[in-house]
Amino acid sequence: MSYDIALYLKVETGGPEPVDYCAADIGNYTSNVSGMWRDALGHRLADLKGRVAGDCITDLRRGVADMEARPDHYRAMNPPNGWGDYEGALDYLRRLHVACCAHPKAQIHISH
């Protein structure tokens, strides 16, 4: 199982309904590292689902900073099956943070 994250904006086109526009596709990464993200963020990554990107920037910045400051702590959490690792989990969180900063009015969509 993996997390697949994209940021969407609702765009008014003059039609009867707004159109969802994919502002950023973060891609996917294995849920085997979800414990790392939970430790870094103070909550599950899945808890960001449906939230406005700008409201998540502070948590994401703090999570990235914590992962960068304590690499040995997070490397110790690498999944024993080899699916995912500290470097990949940090990169994924960084990409999500950058996308949220670039598109603060977008809504976070997560499937897993």
PDB file of N, CA and C in Angstrom:
ATOM      1  N   MET A   1       0.852  -1.167   0.000  1.00  0.00           N
ATOM      2  CA  MET A   1       0.000   0.000   0.000  1.00  0.00           C
ATOM      3  C   MET A   1       0.898   1.229   0.000  1.00  0.00           C
ATOM      4  N   SER A   2       0.421   2.301  -0.640  1.00  0.00           N
ATOM      5  CA  SER A   2       1.192   3.534  -0.677  1.00  0.00           C
ATOM      6  C   SER A   2       0.267   4.735  -0.573  1.00  0.00           C
ATOM      7  N   TYR A   3       0.876   5.881  -0.287  1.00  0.00           N
ATOM      8  CA  TYR A   3       0.148   7.147  -0.292  1.00  0.00           C
ATOM      9  C   TYR A   3       0.315   7.772  -1.662  1.00  0.00           C
ATOM     10  N   ASP A   4      -0.747   8.250  -2.247  1.00  0.00           N
ATOM     11  CA  ASP A   4      -0.712   8.967  -3.514  1.00  0.00           C
ATOM     12  C   ASP A   4      -1.315  10.337  -3.229  1.00  0.00           C
ATOM     13  N   ILE A   5      -0.524  11.392  -3.387  1.00  0.00           N
ATOM     14  CA  ILE A   5      -0.960  12.733  -2.995  1.00  0.00           C
ATOM     15  C   ILE A   5      -0.946  13.680  -4.180  1.00  0.00           C
ATOM     16  N   ALA A   6      -2.008  14.465  -4.295  1.00  0.00           N
ATOM     17  CA  ALA A   6      -2.097  15.527  -5.298  1.00  0.00           C
ATOM     18  C   ALA A   6      -2.778  16.730  -4.653  1.00  0.00           C
ATOM     19  N   LEU A   7      -2.434  17.915  -5.128  1.00  0.00           N
ATOM     20  CA  LEU A   7      -3.076  19.144  -4.671  1.00  0.00           C
ATOM     21  C   LEU A   7      -3.978  19.638  -5.788  1.00  0.00           C
ATOM     22  N   TYR A   8      -5.224  19.922  -5.461  1.00  0.00           N
ATOM     23  CA  TYR A   8      -6.198  20.373  -6.450  1.00  0.00           C
ATOM     24  C   TYR A   8      -6.730  21.756  -6.102  1.00  0.00           C
ATOM     25  N   LEU A   9      -6.967  22.542  -7.130  1.00  0.00           N
ATOM     26  CA  LEU A   9      -7.615  23.840  -7.003  1.00  0.00           C
ATOM     27  C   LEU A   9      -8.960  23.769  -7.688  1.00  0.00           C
ATOM     28  N   LYS A  10      -9.965  24.403  -7.122  1.00  0.00           N
ATOM     29  CA  LYS A  10     -11.265  24.532  -7.779  1.00  0.00           C
ATOM     30  C   LYS A  10     -11.192  25.782  -8.642  1.00  0.00           C
ATOM     31  N   VAL A  11     -11.442  25.637  -9.924  1.00  0.00           N
ATOM     32  CA  VAL A  11     -11.347  26.739 -10.871  1.00  0.00           C
ATOM     33  C   VAL A  11     -12.733  27.049 -11.424  1.00  0.00           C
ATOM     34  N   GLU A  12     -13.158  28.297 -11.300  1.00  0.00           N
ATOM     35  CA  GLU A  12     -14.427  28.734 -11.875  1.00  0.00           C
ATOM     36  C   GLU A  12     -14.216  28.984 -13.369  1.00  0.00           C
ATOM     37  N   THR A  13     -14.972  28.255 -14.194  1.00  0.00           N
ATOM     38  CA  THR A  13     -14.823  28.375 -15.644  1.00  0.00           C
ATOM     39  C   THR A  13     -16.022  29.045 -16.294  1.00  0.00           C
ATOM     40  N   GLY A  14     -16.982  29.459 -15.490  1.00  0.00           N
ATOM     41  CA  GLY A  14     -18.205  30.043 -16.033  1.00  0.00           C
ATOM     42  C   GLY A  14     -19.283  29.001 -16.243  1.00  0.00           C
ATOM     43  N   GLY A  15     -18.953  27.741 -16.069  1.00  0.00           N
ATOM     44  CA  GLY A  15     -19.925  26.663 -16.215  1.00  0.00           C
ATOM     45  C   GLY A  15     -20.722  26.490 -14.930  1.00  0.00           C
ATOM     46  N   PRO A  16     -21.591  25.496 -14.910  1.00  0.00           N
ATOM     47  CA  PRO A  16     -22.446  25.286 -13.740  1.00  0.00           C
ATOM     48  C   PRO A  16     -21.674  24.829 -12.493  1.00  0.00           C
ATOM     49  N   GLU A  17     -20.540  24.200 -12.670  1.00  0.00           N
ATOM     50  CA  GLU A  17     -19.745  23.692 -11.546  1.00  0.00           C
ATOM     51  C   GLU A  17     -18.281  24.096 -11.736  1.00  0.00           C
ATOM     52  N   PRO A  18     -17.588  24.351 -10.645  1.00  0.00           N
ATOM     53  CA  PRO A  18     -16.138  24.592 -10.772  1.00  0.00           C
ATOM     54  C   PRO A  18     -15.428  23.319 -11.221  1.00  0.00           C
ATOM     55  N   VAL A  19     -14.274  23.478 -11.818  1.00  0.00           N
ATOM     56  CA  VAL A  19     -13.493  22.355 -12.322  1.00  0.00           C
ATOM     57  C   VAL A  19     -12.312  22.134 -11.387  1.00  0.00           C
ATOM     58  N   ASP A  20     -12.034  20.876 -11.082  1.00  0.00           N
ATOM     59  CA  ASP A  20     -10.845  20.560 -10.297  1.00  0.00           C
ATOM     60  C   ASP A  20      -9.636  20.621 -11.216  1.00  0.00           C
ATOM     61  N   TYR A  21      -8.630  21.385 -10.801  1.00  0.00           N
ATOM     62  CA  TYR A  21      -7.380  21.502 -11.539  1.00  0.00           C
ATOM     63  C   TYR A  21      -6.265  20.940 -10.672  1.00  0.00           C
ATOM     64  N   CYS A  22      -5.510  20.008 -11.204  1.00  0.00           N
ATOM     65  CA  CYS A  22      -4.406  19.422 -10.443  1.00  0.00           C
ATOM     66  C   CYS A  22      -3.242  20.406 -10.451  1.00  0.00           C
ATOM     67  N   ALA A  23      -3.039  21.055  -9.324  1.00  0.00           N
ATOM     68  CA  ALA A  23      -1.982  22.055  -9.206  1.00  0.00           C
ATOM     69  C   ALA A  23      -0.617  21.403  -8.986  1.00  0.00           C
ATOM     70  N   ALA A  24      -0.577  20.258  -8.338  1.00  0.00           N
ATOM     71  CA  ALA A  24       0.685  19.563  -8.073  1.00  0.00           C
ATOM     72  C   ALA A  24       0.408  18.092  -7.836  1.00  0.00           C
ATOM     73  N   ASP A  25       1.161  17.255  -8.512  1.00  0.00           N
ATOM     74  CA  ASP A  25       1.067  15.815  -8.304  1.00  0.00           C
ATOM     75  C   ASP A  25       2.336  15.387  -7.585  1.00  0.00           C
ATOM     76  N   ILE A  26       2.215  15.056  -6.330  1.00  0.00           N
ATOM     77  CA  ILE A  26       3.364  14.696  -5.508  1.00  0.00           C
ATOM     78  C   ILE A  26       3.832  13.279  -5.835  1.00  0.00           C
ATOM     79  N   GLY A  27       2.939  12.475  -6.363  1.00  0.00           N
ATOM     80  CA  GLY A  27       3.262  11.092  -6.668  1.00  0.00           C
ATOM     81  C   GLY A  27       2.906  10.190  -5.507  1.00  0.00           C
ATOM     82  N   ASN A  28       3.539   9.025  -5.466  1.00  0.00           N
ATOM     83  CA  ASN A  28       3.216   8.115  -4.376  1.00  0.00           C
ATOM     84  C   ASN A  28       4.480   7.605  -3.708  1.00  0.00           C
ATOM     85  N   TYR A  29       4.288   7.151  -2.483  1.00  0.00           N
ATOM     86  CA  TYR A  29       5.374   6.562  -1.714  1.00  0.00           C
ATOM     87  C   TYR A  29       4.761   5.555  -0.745  1.00  0.00           C
ATOM     88  N   THR A  30       5.537   4.565  -0.414  1.00  0.00           N
ATOM     89  CA  THR A  30       5.044   3.462   0.407  1.00  0.00           C
ATOM     90  C   THR A  30       4.591   3.903   1.800  1.00  0.00           C
ATOM     91  N   SER A  31       3.535   3.286   2.256  1.00  0.00           N
ATOM     92  CA  SER A  31       3.036   3.556   3.605  1.00  0.00           C
ATOM     93  C   SER A  31       3.882   2.851   4.669  1.00  0.00           C
ATOM     94  N   ASN A  32       4.873   2.064   4.251  1.00  0.00           N
ATOM     95  CA  ASN A  32       5.751   1.406   5.221  1.00  0.00           C
ATOM     96  C   ASN A  32       6.537   2.402   6.066  1.00  0.00           C
ATOM     97  N   VAL A  33       6.621   3.652   5.616  1.00  0.00           N
ATOM     98  CA  VAL A  33       7.350   4.680   6.373  1.00  0.00           C
ATOM     99  C   VAL A  33       6.395   5.618   7.111  1.00  0.00           C
ATOM    100  N   SER A  34       5.138   5.239   7.208  1.00  0.00           N
ATOM    101  CA  SER A  34       4.150   6.114   7.838  1.00  0.00           C
ATOM    102  C   SER A  34       4.498   6.432   9.294  1.00  0.00           C
ATOM    103  N   GLY A  35       5.190   5.530   9.970  1.00  0.00           N
ATOM    104  CA  GLY A  35       5.618   5.801  11.340  1.00  0.00           C
ATOM    105  C   GLY A  35       6.597   6.969  11.405  1.00  0.00           C
ATOM    106  N   MET A  36       7.453   7.082  10.408  1.00  0.00           N
ATOM    107  CA  MET A  36       8.382   8.218  10.352  1.00  0.00           C
ATOM    108  C   MET A  36       7.615   9.527  10.228  1.00  0.00           C
ATOM    109  N   TRP A  37       6.676   9.547   9.310  1.00  0.00           N
ATOM    110  CA  TRP A  37       5.895  10.776   9.099  1.00  0.00           C
ATOM    111  C   TRP A  37       5.082  11.125  10.336  1.00  0.00           C
ATOM    112  N   ARG A  38       4.497  10.128  10.972  1.00  0.00           N
ATOM    113  CA  ARG A  38       3.713  10.369  12.189  1.00  0.00           C
ATOM    114  C   ARG A  38       4.601  10.962  13.283  1.00  0.00           C
ATOM    115  N   ASP A  39       5.806  10.432  13.412  1.00  0.00           N
ATOM    116  CA  ASP A  39       6.739  10.938  14.411  1.00  0.00           C
ATOM    117  C   ASP A  39       7.167  12.373  14.073  1.00  0.00           C
ATOM    118  N   ALA A  40       7.441  12.639  12.822  1.00  0.00           N
ATOM    119  CA  ALA A  40       7.915  13.967  12.411  1.00  0.00           C
ATOM    120  C   ALA A  40       6.816  15.028  12.464  1.00  0.00           C
ATOM    121  N   LEU A  41       5.606  14.660  12.065  1.00  0.00           N
ATOM    122  CA  LEU A  41       4.501  15.620  11.991  1.00  0.00           C
ATOM    123  C   LEU A  41       3.725  15.752  13.295  1.00  0.00           C
ATOM    124  N   GLY A  42       3.762  14.708  14.097  1.00  0.00           N
ATOM    125  CA  GLY A  42       2.946  14.697  15.309  1.00  0.00           C
ATOM    126  C   GLY A  42       1.545  14.185  15.046  1.00  0.00           C
ATOM    127  N   HIS A  43       1.286  13.736  13.831  1.00  0.00           N
ATOM    128  CA  HIS A  43       0.006  13.139  13.435  1.00  0.00           C
ATOM    129  C   HIS A  43       0.241  12.352  12.154  1.00  0.00           C
ATOM    130  N   ARG A  44      -0.748  11.586  11.749  1.00  0.00           N
ATOM    131  CA  ARG A  44      -0.624  10.775  10.536  1.00  0.00           C
ATOM    132  C   ARG A  44      -0.585  11.664   9.294  1.00  0.00           C
ATOM    133  N   LEU A  45       0.170  11.276   8.283  1.00  0.00           N
ATOM    134  CA  LEU A  45       0.174  11.985   7.007  1.00  0.00           C
ATOM    135  C   LEU A  45      -1.232  11.981   6.420  1.00  0.00           C
ATOM    136  N   ALA A  46      -1.951  10.898   6.604  1.00  0.00           N
ATOM    137  CA  ALA A  46      -3.318  10.783   6.086  1.00  0.00           C
ATOM    138  C   ALA A  46      -4.250  11.837   6.671  1.00  0.00           C
ATOM    139  N   ASP A  47      -3.900  12.395   7.831  1.00  0.00           N
ATOM    140  CA  ASP A  47      -4.735  13.426   8.449  1.00  0.00           C
ATOM    141  C   ASP A  47      -4.742  14.735   7.655  1.00  0.00           C
ATOM    142  N   LEU A  48      -3.860  14.864   6.677  1.00  0.00           N
ATOM    143  CA  LEU A  48      -3.834  16.061   5.834  1.00  0.00           C
ATOM    144  C   LEU A  48      -4.894  16.006   4.734  1.00  0.00           C
ATOM    145  N   LYS A  49      -5.488  14.855   4.531  1.00  0.00           N
ATOM    146  CA  LYS A  49      -6.489  14.679   3.479  1.00  0.00           C
ATOM    147  C   LYS A  49      -7.634  15.668   3.646  1.00  0.00           C
ATOM    148  N   GLY A  50      -7.921  16.395   2.563  1.00  0.00           N
ATOM    149  CA  GLY A  50      -9.035  17.335   2.550  1.00  0.00           C
ATOM    150  C   GLY A  50      -8.698  18.708   3.104  1.00  0.00           C
ATOM    151  N   ARG A  51      -7.515  18.870   3.664  1.00  0.00           N
ATOM    152  CA  ARG A  51      -7.140  20.164   4.241  1.00  0.00           C
ATOM    153  C   ARG A  51      -6.630  21.114   3.167  1.00  0.00           C
ATOM    154  N   VAL A  52      -6.683  22.391   3.456  1.00  0.00           N
ATOM    155  CA  VAL A  52      -6.138  23.406   2.561  1.00  0.00           C
ATOM    156  C   VAL A  52      -4.623  23.408   2.740  1.00  0.00           C
ATOM    157  N   ALA A  53      -3.915  23.412   1.630  1.00  0.00           N
ATOM    158  CA  ALA A  53      -2.456  23.284   1.648  1.00  0.00           C
ATOM    159  C   ALA A  53      -1.785  24.325   2.539  1.00  0.00           C
ATOM    160  N   GLY A  54      -2.211  25.572   2.452  1.00  0.00           N
ATOM    161  CA  GLY A  54      -1.596  26.633   3.241  1.00  0.00           C
ATOM    162  C   GLY A  54      -1.704  26.395   4.737  1.00  0.00           C
ATOM    163  N   ASP A  55      -2.733  25.689   5.160  1.00  0.00           N
ATOM    164  CA  ASP A  55      -2.916  25.400   6.581  1.00  0.00           C
ATOM    165  C   ASP A  55      -1.973  24.309   7.085  1.00  0.00           C
ATOM    166  N   CYS A  56      -1.297  23.630   6.172  1.00  0.00           N
ATOM    167  CA  CYS A  56      -0.427  22.514   6.537  1.00  0.00           C
ATOM    168  C   CYS A  56       1.059  22.869   6.472  1.00  0.00           C
ATOM    169  N   ILE A  57       1.374  24.053   5.986  1.00  0.00           N
ATOM    170  CA  ILE A  57       2.770  24.432   5.758  1.00  0.00           C
ATOM    171  C   ILE A  57       3.600  24.377   7.037  1.00  0.00           C
ATOM    172  N   THR A  58       3.078  24.902   8.133  1.00  0.00           N
ATOM    173  CA  THR A  58       3.836  24.925   9.384  1.00  0.00           C
ATOM    174  C   THR A  58       4.163  23.512   9.856  1.00  0.00           C
ATOM    175  N   ASP A  59       3.183  22.625   9.859  1.00  0.00           N
ATOM    176  CA  ASP A  59       3.423  21.234  10.267  1.00  0.00           C
ATOM    177  C   ASP A  59       4.446  20.562   9.353  1.00  0.00           C
ATOM    178  N   LEU A  60       4.306  20.780   8.049  1.00  0.00           N
ATOM    179  CA  LEU A  60       5.223  20.157   7.103  1.00  0.00           C
ATOM    180  C   LEU A  60       6.639  20.699   7.268  1.00  0.00           C
ATOM    181  N   ARG A  61       6.783  22.003   7.453  1.00  0.00           N
ATOM    182  CA  ARG A  61       8.104  22.602   7.657  1.00  0.00           C
ATOM    183  C   ARG A  61       8.761  22.022   8.916  1.00  0.00           C
ATOM    184  N   ARG A  62       7.985  21.923   9.979  1.00  0.00           N
ATOM    185  CA  ARG A  62       8.494  21.370  11.228  1.00  0.00           C
ATOM    186  C   ARG A  62       8.882  19.893  11.043  1.00  0.00           C
ATOM    187  N   GLY A  63       8.050  19.138  10.340  1.00  0.00           N
ATOM    188  CA  GLY A  63       8.342  17.725  10.108  1.00  0.00           C
ATOM    189  C   GLY A  63       9.606  17.519   9.292  1.00  0.00           C
ATOM    190  N   VAL A  64       9.764  18.306   8.233  1.00  0.00           N
ATOM    191  CA  VAL A  64      10.975  18.211   7.410  1.00  0.00           C
ATOM    192  C   VAL A  64      12.198  18.572   8.257  1.00  0.00           C
ATOM    193  N   ALA A  65      12.110  19.645   9.028  1.00  0.00           N
ATOM    194  CA  ALA A  65      13.234  20.074   9.862  1.00  0.00           C
ATOM    195  C   ALA A  65      13.613  18.995  10.875  1.00  0.00           C
ATOM    196  N   ASP A  66      12.614  18.343  11.465  1.00  0.00           N
ATOM    197  CA  ASP A  66      12.894  17.302  12.442  1.00  0.00           C
ATOM    198  C   ASP A  66      13.567  16.110  11.771  1.00  0.00           C
ATOM    199  N   MET A  67      13.091  15.719  10.616  1.00  0.00           N
ATOM    200  CA  MET A  67      13.704  14.589   9.915  1.00  0.00           C
ATOM    201  C   MET A  67      15.138  14.915   9.508  1.00  0.00           C
ATOM    202  N   GLU A  68      15.390  16.151   9.098  1.00  0.00           N
ATOM    203  CA  GLU A  68      16.745  16.547   8.724  1.00  0.00           C
ATOM    204  C   GLU A  68      17.675  16.610   9.938  1.00  0.00           C
ATOM    205  N   ALA A  69      17.132  17.014  11.080  1.00  0.00           N
ATOM    206  CA  ALA A  69      17.939  17.178  12.290  1.00  0.00           C
ATOM    207  C   ALA A  69      18.269  15.849  12.971  1.00  0.00           C
ATOM    208  N   ARG A  70      17.441  14.825  12.752  1.00  0.00           N
ATOM    209  CA  ARG A  70      17.626  13.550  13.451  1.00  0.00           C
ATOM    210  C   ARG A  70      17.645  12.365  12.488  1.00  0.00           C
ATOM    211  N   PRO A  71      18.561  12.383  11.513  1.00  0.00           N
ATOM    212  CA  PRO A  71      18.550  11.290  10.524  1.00  0.00           C
ATOM    213  C   PRO A  71      18.737   9.907  11.130  1.00  0.00           C
ATOM    214  N   ASP A  72      19.588   9.782  12.150  1.00  0.00           N
ATOM    215  CA  ASP A  72      19.813   8.456  12.746  1.00  0.00           C
ATOM    216  C   ASP A  72      18.542   7.917  13.401  1.00  0.00           C
ATOM    217  N   HIS A  73      17.783   8.799  14.036  1.00  0.00           N
ATOM    218  CA  HIS A  73      16.512   8.407  14.648  1.00  0.00           C
ATOM    219  C   HIS A  73      15.576   7.829  13.582  1.00  0.00           C
ATOM    220  N   TYR A  74      15.484   8.494  12.455  1.00  0.00           N
ATOM    221  CA  TYR A  74      14.559   8.052  11.409  1.00  0.00           C
ATOM    222  C   TYR A  74      15.105   6.866  10.613  1.00  0.00           C
ATOM    223  N   ARG A  75      16.415   6.817  10.402  1.00  0.00           N
ATOM    224  CA  ARG A  75      16.981   5.651   9.708  1.00  0.00           C
ATOM    225  C   ARG A  75      16.736   4.373  10.509  1.00  0.00           C
ATOM    226  N   ALA A  76      16.715   4.492  11.816  1.00  0.00           N
ATOM    227  CA  ALA A  76      16.430   3.327  12.666  1.00  0.00           C
ATOM    228  C   ALA A  76      15.009   2.810  12.442  1.00  0.00           C
ATOM    229  N   MET A  77      14.150   3.640  11.841  1.00  0.00           N
ATOM    230  CA  MET A  77      12.768   3.255  11.568  1.00  0.00           C
ATOM    231  C   MET A  77      12.580   2.709  10.150  1.00  0.00           C
ATOM    232  N   ASN A  78      13.687   2.570   9.388  1.00  0.00           N
ATOM    233  CA  ASN A  78      13.575   2.017   8.041  1.00  0.00           C
ATOM    234  C   ASN A  78      12.860   0.668   8.093  1.00  0.00           C
ATOM    235  N   PRO A  79      11.911   0.432   7.194  1.00  0.00           N
ATOM    236  CA  PRO A  79      11.181  -0.838   7.205  1.00  0.00           C
ATOM    237  C   PRO A  79      12.121  -2.033   6.974  1.00  0.00           C
ATOM    238  N   PRO A  80      11.970  -3.081   7.749  1.00  0.00           N
ATOM    239  CA  PRO A  80      12.849  -4.252   7.598  1.00  0.00           C
ATOM    240  C   PRO A  80      12.690  -4.952   6.247  1.00  0.00           C
ATOM    241  N   ASN A  81      11.542  -4.772   5.595  1.00  0.00           N
ATOM    242  CA  ASN A  81      11.336  -5.440   4.309  1.00  0.00           C
ATOM    243  C   ASN A  81      11.993  -4.683   3.147  1.00  0.00           C
ATOM    244  N   GLY A  82      12.600  -3.510   3.422  1.00  0.00           N
ATOM    245  CA  GLY A  82      13.303  -2.768   2.380  1.00  0.00           C
ATOM    246  C   GLY A  82      12.412  -1.909   1.500  1.00  0.00           C
ATOM    247  N   TRP A  83      11.127  -1.907   1.747  1.00  0.00           N
ATOM    248  CA  TRP A  83      10.205  -1.096   0.947  1.00  0.00           C
ATOM    249  C   TRP A  83      10.111   0.284   1.583  1.00  0.00           C
ATOM    250  N   GLY A  84      10.865   1.222   1.076  1.00  0.00           N
ATOM    251  CA  GLY A  84      10.905   2.571   1.598  1.00  0.00           C
ATOM    252  C   GLY A  84      12.064   2.749   2.557  1.00  0.00           C
ATOM    253  N   ASP A  85      12.472   4.003   2.720  1.00  0.00           N
ATOM    254  CA  ASP A  85      13.557   4.312   3.630  1.00  0.00           C
ATOM    255  C   ASP A  85      13.495   5.781   4.037  1.00  0.00           C
ATOM    256  N   TYR A  86      14.389   6.141   4.957  1.00  0.00           N
ATOM    257  CA  TYR A  86      14.441   7.506   5.479  1.00  0.00           C
ATOM    258  C   TYR A  86      14.587   8.533   4.357  1.00  0.00           C
ATOM    259  N   GLU A  87      15.527   8.303   3.451  1.00  0.00           N
ATOM    260  CA  GLU A  87      15.782   9.271   2.388  1.00  0.00           C
ATOM    261  C   GLU A  87      14.544   9.491   1.521  1.00  0.00           C
ATOM    262  N   GLY A  88      13.871   8.419   1.161  1.00  0.00           N
ATOM    263  CA  GLY A  88      12.654   8.537   0.347  1.00  0.00           C
ATOM    264  C   GLY A  88      11.518   9.207   1.096  1.00  0.00           C
ATOM    265  N   ALA A  89      11.376   8.879   2.387  1.00  0.00           N
ATOM    266  CA  ALA A  89      10.314   9.484   3.195  1.00  0.00           C
ATOM    267  C   ALA A  89      10.549  10.986   3.357  1.00  0.00           C
ATOM    268  N   LEU A  90      11.791  11.383   3.575  1.00  0.00           N
ATOM    269  CA  LEU A  90      12.123  12.800   3.713  1.00  0.00           C
ATOM    270  C   LEU A  90      11.906  13.527   2.399  1.00  0.00           C
ATOM    271  N   ASP A  91      12.339  12.939   1.301  1.00  0.00           N
ATOM    272  CA  ASP A  91      12.143  13.562  -0.015  1.00  0.00           C
ATOM    273  C   ASP A  91      10.659  13.779  -0.306  1.00  0.00           C
ATOM    274  N   TYR A  92       9.839  12.785  -0.002  1.00  0.00           N
ATOM    275  CA  TYR A  92       8.394  12.888  -0.243  1.00  0.00           C
ATOM    276  C   TYR A  92       7.782  14.008   0.593  1.00  0.00           C
ATOM    277  N   LEU A  93       8.177  14.103   1.864  1.00  0.00           N
ATOM    278  CA  LEU A  93       7.661  15.161   2.737  1.00  0.00           C
ATOM    279  C   LEU A  93       8.131  16.533   2.257  1.00  0.00           C
ATOM    280  N   ARG A  94       9.379  16.623   1.805  1.00  0.00           N
ATOM    281  CA  ARG A  94       9.894  17.887   1.251  1.00  0.00           C
ATOM    282  C   ARG A  94       9.080  18.314   0.024  1.00  0.00           C
ATOM    283  N   ARG A  95       8.826  17.368  -0.884  1.00  0.00           N
ATOM    284  CA  ARG A  95       8.072  17.695  -2.107  1.00  0.00           C
ATOM    285  C   ARG A  95       6.663  18.169  -1.766  1.00  0.00           C
ATOM    286  N   LEU A  96       6.042  17.544  -0.774  1.00  0.00           N
ATOM    287  CA  LEU A  96       4.709  17.967  -0.351  1.00  0.00           C
ATOM    288  C   LEU A  96       4.773  19.376   0.241  1.00  0.00           C
ATOM    289  N   HIS A  97       5.780  19.661   1.041  1.00  0.00           N
ATOM    290  CA  HIS A  97       5.936  20.988   1.636  1.00  0.00           C
ATOM    291  C   HIS A  97       6.109  22.054   0.543  1.00  0.00           C
ATOM    292  N   VAL A  98       6.973  21.798  -0.415  1.00  0.00           N
ATOM    293  CA  VAL A  98       7.212  22.749  -1.509  1.00  0.00           C
ATOM    294  C   VAL A  98       5.921  22.990  -2.290  1.00  0.00           C
ATOM    295  N   ALA A  99       5.183  21.939  -2.584  1.00  0.00           N
ATOM    296  CA  ALA A  99       3.934  22.076  -3.342  1.00  0.00           C
ATOM    297  C   ALA A  99       2.898  22.871  -2.553  1.00  0.00           C
ATOM    298  N   CYS A 100       2.808  22.635  -1.255  1.00  0.00           N
ATOM    299  CA  CYS A 100       1.854  23.378  -0.426  1.00  0.00           C
ATOM    300  C   CYS A 100       2.223  24.863  -0.376  1.00  0.00           C
ATOM    301  N   CYS A 101       3.513  25.161  -0.311  1.00  0.00           N
ATOM    302  CA  CYS A 101       3.948  26.565  -0.325  1.00  0.00           C
ATOM    303  C   CYS A 101       3.632  27.219  -1.660  1.00  0.00           C
ATOM    304  N   ALA A 102       3.785  26.475  -2.744  1.00  0.00           N
ATOM    305  CA  ALA A 102       3.530  27.011  -4.082  1.00  0.00           C
ATOM    306  C   ALA A 102       2.042  27.172  -4.375  1.00  0.00           C
ATOM    307  N   HIS A 103       1.210  26.340  -3.752  1.00  0.00           N
ATOM    308  CA  HIS A 103      -0.237  26.339  -4.027  1.00  0.00           C
ATOM    309  C   HIS A 103      -1.017  26.337  -2.709  1.00  0.00           C
ATOM    310  N   PRO A 104      -0.917  27.399  -1.919  1.00  0.00           N
ATOM    311  CA  PRO A 104      -1.515  27.399  -0.575  1.00  0.00           C
ATOM    312  C   PRO A 104      -3.037  27.334  -0.549  1.00  0.00           C
ATOM    313  N   LYS A 105      -3.696  27.626  -1.649  1.00  0.00           N
ATOM    314  CA  LYS A 105      -5.168  27.575  -1.667  1.00  0.00           C
ATOM    315  C   LYS A 105      -5.708  26.249  -2.184  1.00  0.00           C
ATOM    316  N   ALA A 106      -4.803  25.360  -2.551  1.00  0.00           N
ATOM    317  CA  ALA A 106      -5.216  24.056  -3.066  1.00  0.00           C
ATOM    318  C   ALA A 106      -5.655  23.149  -1.926  1.00  0.00           C
ATOM    319  N   GLN A 107      -6.438  22.148  -2.274  1.00  0.00           N
ATOM    320  CA  GLN A 107      -6.874  21.151  -1.304  1.00  0.00           C
ATOM    321  C   GLN A 107      -6.040  19.891  -1.500  1.00  0.00           C
ATOM    322  N   ILE A 108      -5.640  19.285  -0.394  1.00  0.00           N
ATOM    323  CA  ILE A 108      -4.818  18.072  -0.455  1.00  0.00           C
ATOM    324  C   ILE A 108      -5.714  16.856  -0.626  1.00  0.00           C
ATOM    325  N   HIS A 109      -5.404  16.054  -1.634  1.00  0.00           N
ATOM    326  CA  HIS A 109      -6.118  14.802  -1.869  1.00  0.00           C
ATOM    327  C   HIS A 109      -5.134  13.659  -1.661  1.00  0.00           C
ATOM    328  N   ILE A 110      -5.522  12.708  -0.845  1.00  0.00           N
ATOM    329  CA  ILE A 110      -4.676  11.554  -0.552  1.00  0.00           C
ATOM    330  C   ILE A 110      -5.487  10.289  -0.784  1.00  0.00           C
ATOM    331  N   SER A 111      -4.894   9.377  -1.534  1.00  0.00           N
ATOM    332  CA  SER A 111      -5.503   8.042  -1.633  1.00  0.00           C
ATOM    333  C   SER A 111      -4.431   7.041  -1.214  1.00  0.00           C
ATOM    334  N   HIS A 112      -4.886   5.980  -0.594  1.00  0.00           N
ATOM    335  CA  HIS A 112      -3.935   4.919  -0.185  1.00  0.00           C
ATOM    336  C   HIS A 112      -4.687   3.630  -0.018  1.00  0.00           C
TER     337      HIS A 112
END
